Protein backbone atom coordinates (compact mmCIF):
# COMPACT_ATOMS: atom_id res chain seq x y z
CA MET A 1 -19.77 11.22 -10.51
CA ARG A 2 -20.78 8.00 -8.80
CA SER A 3 -20.05 7.57 -5.11
CA ALA A 4 -17.55 4.94 -3.96
CA PRO A 5 -20.27 2.58 -2.60
CA ALA A 6 -22.28 2.85 -5.84
CA SER A 7 -19.18 2.11 -7.92
CA ALA A 8 -18.33 -0.89 -5.75
CA LEU A 9 -21.88 -2.24 -6.14
CA GLY A 10 -21.61 -1.92 -9.90
CA ARG A 11 -18.36 -3.90 -9.93
CA LEU A 12 -19.84 -6.63 -7.78
CA ARG A 13 -22.73 -7.08 -10.21
CA LYS A 14 -20.22 -7.80 -12.99
CA ALA A 15 -18.16 -10.24 -10.93
CA GLY A 16 -18.22 -14.00 -11.39
CA PRO A 17 -19.17 -16.51 -8.65
CA ARG A 18 -15.57 -17.08 -7.54
CA GLN A 19 -14.82 -13.37 -7.25
CA LEU A 20 -18.10 -12.79 -5.43
CA ALA A 21 -17.25 -15.51 -2.91
CA GLN A 22 -13.76 -14.13 -2.36
CA THR A 23 -15.12 -10.62 -1.93
CA GLY A 24 -17.81 -11.77 0.49
CA LEU A 25 -15.27 -13.57 2.65
CA SER A 26 -13.03 -10.52 2.49
CA ILE A 27 -15.77 -8.20 3.74
CA VAL A 28 -16.35 -10.48 6.72
CA GLU A 29 -12.62 -10.69 7.45
CA ASP A 30 -12.32 -6.89 7.33
CA LEU A 31 -15.12 -6.56 9.88
CA LEU A 32 -13.53 -9.15 12.19
CA PHE A 33 -10.15 -7.41 11.86
CA GLU A 34 -11.70 -4.14 13.02
CA LEU A 35 -13.74 -5.65 15.83
CA ARG A 36 -10.88 -7.73 17.25
CA GLY A 37 -8.36 -4.90 17.07
CA GLY A 38 -10.69 -2.04 18.01
CA VAL A 39 -9.40 -0.11 14.99
CA ASP A 40 -10.92 2.05 12.27
CA THR A 41 -9.36 1.25 8.89
CA ARG A 42 -12.35 0.36 6.74
CA ARG A 43 -14.29 3.51 5.90
CA PHE A 44 -13.67 5.36 2.63
CA VAL A 45 -12.26 8.91 2.95
CA ALA A 46 -12.40 11.50 0.17
CA LEU A 47 -9.40 13.81 0.31
CA ASP A 48 -9.59 17.54 -0.36
CA ARG A 49 -7.11 17.88 -3.23
CA ALA A 50 -7.34 21.66 -3.09
CA SER A 51 -6.18 21.77 0.53
CA PRO A 52 -2.93 23.75 0.96
CA VAL A 53 -2.17 21.58 4.00
CA LEU A 54 -1.46 18.63 1.71
CA GLY A 55 1.12 20.54 -0.30
CA GLU A 56 1.81 21.03 -3.98
CA ASN A 57 1.24 17.38 -4.89
CA ALA A 58 -2.26 17.27 -3.40
CA PRO A 59 -3.91 17.29 -6.86
CA HIS A 60 -2.04 14.09 -7.68
CA GLY A 61 -3.35 12.13 -4.68
CA ARG A 62 -6.16 9.57 -4.56
CA ASP A 63 -9.00 9.06 -2.09
CA TYR A 64 -8.48 6.55 0.72
CA HIS A 65 -9.51 2.99 -0.10
CA PRO A 66 -7.91 0.29 2.08
CA THR A 67 -6.55 -2.99 0.77
CA ARG A 68 -8.70 -5.80 2.08
CA VAL A 69 -7.14 -7.87 4.88
CA ARG A 70 -7.76 -11.20 3.18
CA HIS A 71 -6.33 -9.94 -0.12
CA PHE A 72 -3.06 -8.78 1.44
CA ARG A 73 -2.62 -12.02 3.36
CA ALA A 74 -3.20 -14.02 0.18
CA LEU A 75 -0.56 -11.90 -1.58
CA MET A 76 2.03 -12.45 1.16
CA ARG A 77 1.43 -16.21 1.12
CA ALA A 78 1.90 -16.28 -2.65
CA LEU A 79 5.11 -14.21 -2.48
CA ASP A 80 6.71 -16.17 0.38
CA LEU A 81 9.30 -13.47 1.02
CA PRO A 82 12.46 -14.15 3.03
CA GLU A 83 12.58 -12.93 6.61
CA GLY A 84 14.40 -9.83 7.80
CA LEU A 85 13.31 -7.38 5.10
CA GLY A 86 12.23 -3.77 5.48
CA PHE A 87 8.68 -2.94 4.35
CA LEU A 88 7.41 0.46 3.18
CA ASP A 89 3.71 1.23 2.58
CA LEU A 90 3.40 4.18 0.20
CA GLY A 91 0.20 6.03 1.02
CA SER A 92 -0.41 4.15 4.26
CA GLY A 93 -3.76 5.81 4.99
CA LYS A 94 -5.28 4.62 8.26
CA GLY A 95 -2.54 2.05 8.82
CA ARG A 96 -4.26 -1.22 7.96
CA ILE A 97 -1.35 -2.60 5.93
CA LEU A 98 1.12 -1.44 8.58
CA ILE A 99 -0.75 -3.47 11.21
CA LEU A 100 -0.82 -6.53 8.96
CA ALA A 101 2.85 -6.21 7.95
CA ALA A 102 3.89 -5.85 11.60
CA ALA A 103 2.48 -9.33 12.26
CA MET A 104 4.77 -10.75 9.54
CA PRO A 105 8.52 -11.42 9.74
CA PHE A 106 9.62 -7.99 8.49
CA LEU A 107 12.56 -6.46 10.33
CA ARG A 108 11.23 -2.93 9.85
CA VAL A 109 7.77 -1.58 8.91
CA VAL A 110 7.32 2.01 7.73
CA GLY A 111 4.35 3.94 6.38
CA VAL A 112 4.32 7.25 4.53
CA GLU A 113 1.16 9.37 4.31
CA TYR A 114 0.73 13.06 3.50
CA SER A 115 -2.77 13.55 4.93
CA PRO A 116 -2.77 14.78 8.56
CA GLU A 117 -6.32 13.45 8.96
CA LEU A 118 -5.37 9.92 7.91
CA CYS A 119 -2.12 10.00 9.88
CA ALA A 120 -4.01 10.90 13.07
CA VAL A 121 -6.33 7.92 12.62
CA ALA A 122 -3.41 5.64 11.76
CA ARG A 123 -1.48 6.62 14.88
CA GLN A 124 -4.51 5.88 17.01
CA ASN A 125 -4.92 2.50 15.31
CA LEU A 126 -1.25 1.66 15.84
CA ARG A 127 -1.50 2.57 19.54
CA ARG A 128 -4.57 0.40 19.96
CA SER A 129 -2.70 -2.45 18.28
CA GLY A 130 0.33 -2.02 20.56
CA LEU A 131 2.64 -1.39 17.60
CA GLU A 132 4.96 1.32 18.85
CA ARG A 133 7.79 -0.07 16.70
CA VAL A 134 5.95 0.68 13.46
CA GLU A 135 7.10 4.00 11.97
CA LEU A 136 4.64 6.44 10.40
CA LEU A 137 5.96 9.42 8.45
CA GLN A 138 3.69 12.33 7.60
CA VAL A 139 5.37 13.50 4.42
CA ASP A 140 4.83 13.81 0.68
CA ALA A 141 5.99 10.48 -0.77
CA ALA A 142 7.60 12.29 -3.73
CA ARG A 143 9.98 14.00 -1.29
CA LEU A 144 10.83 10.93 0.76
CA GLU A 145 14.44 9.76 0.71
CA ILE A 146 14.27 5.98 0.76
CA ASP A 147 16.23 4.40 3.60
CA ASP A 148 18.73 1.76 2.56
CA ASP A 149 17.27 -0.96 4.79
CA LEU A 150 13.92 -1.05 2.96
CA HIS A 151 13.27 -3.83 0.44
CA VAL A 152 9.52 -4.18 -0.14
CA PHE A 153 7.56 -1.22 -1.51
CA TYR A 154 3.77 -1.49 -1.50
CA ALA A 155 1.24 0.88 -3.08
CA PHE A 156 -2.54 0.62 -3.57
CA ASN A 157 -2.95 3.36 -6.18
CA PRO A 158 -2.33 6.22 -3.68
CA PHE A 159 -1.28 8.77 -6.28
CA ASP A 160 -0.98 9.37 -10.02
CA GLU A 161 2.00 8.99 -12.35
CA VAL A 162 3.55 12.34 -11.35
CA VAL A 163 4.21 11.29 -7.76
CA LEU A 164 4.81 7.64 -8.65
CA ALA A 165 7.60 8.63 -11.03
CA ALA A 166 9.33 10.62 -8.28
CA VAL A 167 8.92 7.76 -5.79
CA LEU A 168 10.36 5.21 -8.22
CA GLU A 169 13.35 7.43 -8.94
CA ASN A 170 13.96 7.73 -5.19
CA ILE A 171 13.78 3.94 -4.83
CA GLY A 172 16.27 3.58 -7.68
CA ALA A 173 18.65 6.06 -6.03
CA SER A 174 18.55 4.06 -2.79
CA LEU A 175 19.17 0.76 -4.58
CA ARG A 176 22.15 2.19 -6.45
CA ARG A 177 23.54 3.55 -3.19
CA ALA A 178 23.00 0.30 -1.30
CA PRO A 179 22.49 -2.64 -3.70
CA ARG A 180 20.04 -5.19 -2.30
CA PRO A 181 17.11 -7.33 -3.43
CA ALA A 182 13.89 -5.36 -3.76
CA TRP A 183 10.22 -5.89 -4.56
CA ILE A 184 7.69 -3.34 -5.83
CA ILE A 185 4.05 -4.33 -5.29
CA LEU A 186 1.26 -2.41 -7.00
CA ASN A 187 -2.40 -3.13 -6.32
CA LYS A 188 -4.54 -2.13 -9.32
CA ALA A 189 -1.52 -0.77 -11.13
CA ARG A 190 -2.25 2.03 -13.55
CA HIS A 191 1.25 3.25 -14.27
CA ASP A 192 3.42 0.15 -14.06
CA ALA A 193 5.18 1.20 -17.28
CA LEU A 194 7.13 3.59 -15.01
CA ILE A 195 8.74 0.74 -13.05
CA PRO A 196 12.07 0.97 -15.00
CA LEU A 197 12.64 4.33 -13.27
CA ALA A 198 13.47 2.31 -10.15
CA GLY A 199 15.92 -0.07 -11.83
CA ALA A 200 16.06 -3.41 -13.60
CA PHE A 201 12.86 -4.82 -12.12
CA GLU A 202 11.11 -7.79 -13.73
CA PRO A 203 7.48 -8.86 -13.21
CA VAL A 204 7.38 -12.00 -11.05
CA LEU A 205 3.74 -12.31 -9.99
CA ASP A 206 0.28 -11.30 -11.18
CA LEU A 207 -2.34 -12.19 -8.59
CA ARG A 208 -6.06 -11.53 -8.73
CA TYR A 209 -8.04 -12.13 -5.58
CA GLY A 210 -11.56 -10.78 -5.16
CA ASN A 211 -11.41 -7.27 -6.61
CA ALA A 212 -7.66 -6.94 -6.01
CA ALA A 213 -5.17 -7.07 -8.87
CA PHE A 214 -1.60 -7.29 -7.60
CA ARG A 215 1.45 -6.92 -9.82
CA VAL A 216 4.80 -7.71 -8.23
CA PHE A 217 8.17 -6.68 -9.66
CA HIS A 218 11.49 -7.95 -8.32
CA GLN A 219 15.11 -6.94 -8.69
CA PRO A 220 17.84 -9.09 -7.16
CA ALA A 221 20.81 -7.45 -5.51
CA GLN A 222 22.93 -5.67 -8.12
CA ARG A 223 26.69 -5.99 -7.92
């Protein structure tokens, strides 16, 4: 099996000039983000899927790869979401997206991560960023009851279709209990055919930036 850096190098060799430029700028922006904030969100982490600490769904998890800072900011500009929404990062890892989302006009920012190792790093990063209001839950996402004040659900391929199906059903239960507009954002979606489990969502945006491939699904408030 190829290592993560070797795989990334292979993808870069196949990229066109525009994608290469976007990726190069993104690498620089990631470095500046870390240096300015004194945080550690960049390095790849391979998870031990056989670890009993991670619970029964550990085999369905993915290794930690962060969304690039520049990519997420480009996505948020393209979406132009209304203010006052609740944001949930599914598989929040070291907290990079939580830090970025906290700088945006979300009313509430929550992360869910089942790895104690990643949660410990994320909490340190949040403290260094002065973001005490950001909530981080160390829990299996499949077992998370979705709060009714959350509207935007983000996932960068943190788990396979087994956990994703459970998460989407939980989102659907929350939306039926408290009808409201909602957005599901998948980066490098592999199982987007499962989206109907969450409700009557329609695709509203496909955005490619660098090596990111965002698919956004939206459901207006149901009466």
